Amino acid sequence: MNDRLLSLLGIARRAGKLTMGFDPVAEDAAKHKAKLVLTASDLSERTLKGVREVCAQHNVPCVPLGRTMDEIHKAIGKRTGVLATADHGFAQSIKELCRFNNEEESQL
């Protein structure tokens, strides 16, 4: 795997700092545990709307990963389209990588 973002997600998963799935992520957001919520690029519009509502309600940043659920599955071992991290350090690093990747794509 040559993708730094997906590698970082794999590290966060192994460190136990990654929550996966809509319901667990929504629960973490409600308990103010989630520092950052991430969404897959092929997430359904209905689920994406629900994730954005939960994030807005609990003031949690929501960032599109720009990766499909299959790509996420290869990195973390579980097929999911909604992820969250409760670790401030992982959240900052993931946000920076997402911003960097979005800037690279806009230059192509």
Protein backbone atom coordinates (compact mmCIF):
# COMPACT_ATOMS: atom_id res chain seq x y z
CA MET A 1 0.00 0.00 0.00
CA ASN A 2 1.63 3.21 -1.17
CA ASP A 3 -1.08 5.62 0.04
CA ARG A 4 -0.01 7.56 3.15
CA LEU A 5 -3.59 8.36 4.13
CA LEU A 6 -4.71 4.74 4.03
CA SER A 7 -1.53 3.67 5.82
CA LEU A 8 -2.28 6.13 8.60
CA LEU A 9 -5.82 4.76 8.89
CA GLY A 10 -4.37 1.27 9.25
CA ILE A 11 -2.05 2.47 12.02
CA ALA A 12 -4.96 4.20 13.79
CA ARG A 13 -7.00 0.99 13.57
CA ARG A 14 -4.21 -1.11 15.05
CA ALA A 15 -3.74 1.48 17.81
CA GLY A 16 -7.43 1.22 18.69
CA LYS A 17 -8.05 4.87 17.81
CA LEU A 18 -10.51 4.34 14.96
CA THR A 19 -14.28 3.94 15.21
CA MET A 20 -15.98 2.32 12.22
CA GLY A 21 -19.60 2.40 11.06
CA PHE A 22 -22.36 4.99 11.22
CA ASP A 23 -23.92 4.07 14.58
CA PRO A 24 -20.64 3.80 16.56
CA VAL A 25 -19.39 7.05 14.98
CA ALA A 26 -22.66 8.84 15.81
CA GLU A 27 -22.39 7.57 19.38
CA ASP A 28 -18.80 8.83 19.70
CA ALA A 29 -19.86 12.21 18.30
CA ALA A 30 -22.74 12.45 20.79
CA LYS A 31 -20.36 11.63 23.67
CA HIS A 32 -17.88 14.26 22.37
CA LYS A 33 -15.24 11.56 21.86
CA ALA A 34 -14.89 11.95 18.07
CA LYS A 35 -12.34 14.55 17.00
CA LEU A 36 -12.78 13.93 13.27
CA VAL A 37 -15.31 12.04 11.13
CA LEU A 38 -14.30 10.67 7.72
CA THR A 39 -16.50 9.55 4.84
CA ALA A 40 -15.81 7.34 1.83
CA SER A 41 -16.27 8.71 -1.67
CA ASP A 42 -18.87 6.09 -2.57
CA LEU A 43 -21.02 6.54 0.54
CA SER A 44 -24.74 6.78 -0.22
CA GLU A 45 -26.29 10.26 -0.25
CA ARG A 46 -28.71 9.26 2.50
CA THR A 47 -25.94 8.08 4.83
CA LEU A 48 -23.77 11.08 3.97
CA LYS A 49 -26.64 13.40 4.87
CA GLY A 50 -27.08 11.61 8.21
CA VAL A 51 -23.35 11.82 8.97
CA ARG A 52 -23.27 15.54 8.18
CA GLU A 53 -26.29 16.16 10.41
CA VAL A 54 -24.70 14.31 13.34
CA CYS A 55 -21.41 16.16 12.85
CA ALA A 56 -23.13 19.55 12.66
CA GLN A 57 -25.24 18.80 15.72
CA HIS A 58 -22.20 17.84 17.82
CA ASN A 59 -19.71 20.26 16.24
CA VAL A 60 -17.38 17.57 14.88
CA PRO A 61 -15.45 18.19 11.64
CA CYS A 62 -16.47 15.90 8.77
CA VAL A 63 -13.95 15.33 6.01
CA PRO A 64 -14.35 13.34 2.78
CA LEU A 65 -11.51 10.83 2.45
CA GLY A 66 -11.52 10.69 -1.32
CA ARG A 67 -11.22 6.90 -1.11
CA THR A 68 -13.79 4.19 -1.78
CA MET A 69 -15.08 1.71 0.78
CA ASP A 70 -13.08 -1.03 -0.96
CA GLU A 71 -9.86 0.97 -0.62
CA ILE A 72 -10.62 1.61 3.05
CA HIS A 73 -11.33 -2.11 3.50
CA LYS A 74 -7.89 -3.01 2.18
CA ALA A 75 -6.27 -0.57 4.62
CA ILE A 76 -8.15 -1.36 7.83
CA GLY A 77 -9.64 -4.81 7.27
CA LYS A 78 -13.29 -3.75 7.48
CA ARG A 79 -15.52 -2.45 4.72
CA THR A 80 -17.04 0.79 5.97
CA GLY A 81 -17.80 4.23 4.64
CA VAL A 82 -17.91 6.15 7.93
CA LEU A 83 -14.94 6.42 10.28
CA ALA A 84 -13.99 8.55 13.25
CA THR A 85 -10.93 9.04 15.38
CA ALA A 86 -10.94 10.09 19.01
CA ASP A 87 -7.22 10.88 18.98
CA HIS A 88 -6.28 14.50 18.40
CA GLY A 89 -2.91 13.62 16.81
CA PHE A 90 -4.40 11.19 14.31
CA ALA A 91 -7.17 13.70 13.53
CA GLN A 92 -4.66 16.46 12.72
CA SER A 93 -2.49 14.19 10.57
CA ILE A 94 -5.47 12.81 8.64
CA LYS A 95 -6.85 16.32 8.01
CA GLU A 96 -3.50 17.48 6.66
CA LEU A 97 -3.19 14.46 4.35
CA CYS A 98 -6.76 14.93 3.11
CA ARG A 99 -6.07 18.62 2.42
CA PHE A 100 -2.80 17.76 0.64
CA ASN A 101 -4.51 15.09 -1.50
CA ASN A 102 -7.35 17.47 -2.45
CA GLU A 103 -4.83 20.13 -3.50
CA GLU A 104 -2.94 17.60 -5.63
CA GLU A 105 -6.16 16.49 -7.38
CA SER A 106 -7.18 20.08 -8.16
CA GLN A 107 -3.84 20.68 -9.87
CA LEU A 108 -4.27 17.77 -12.31
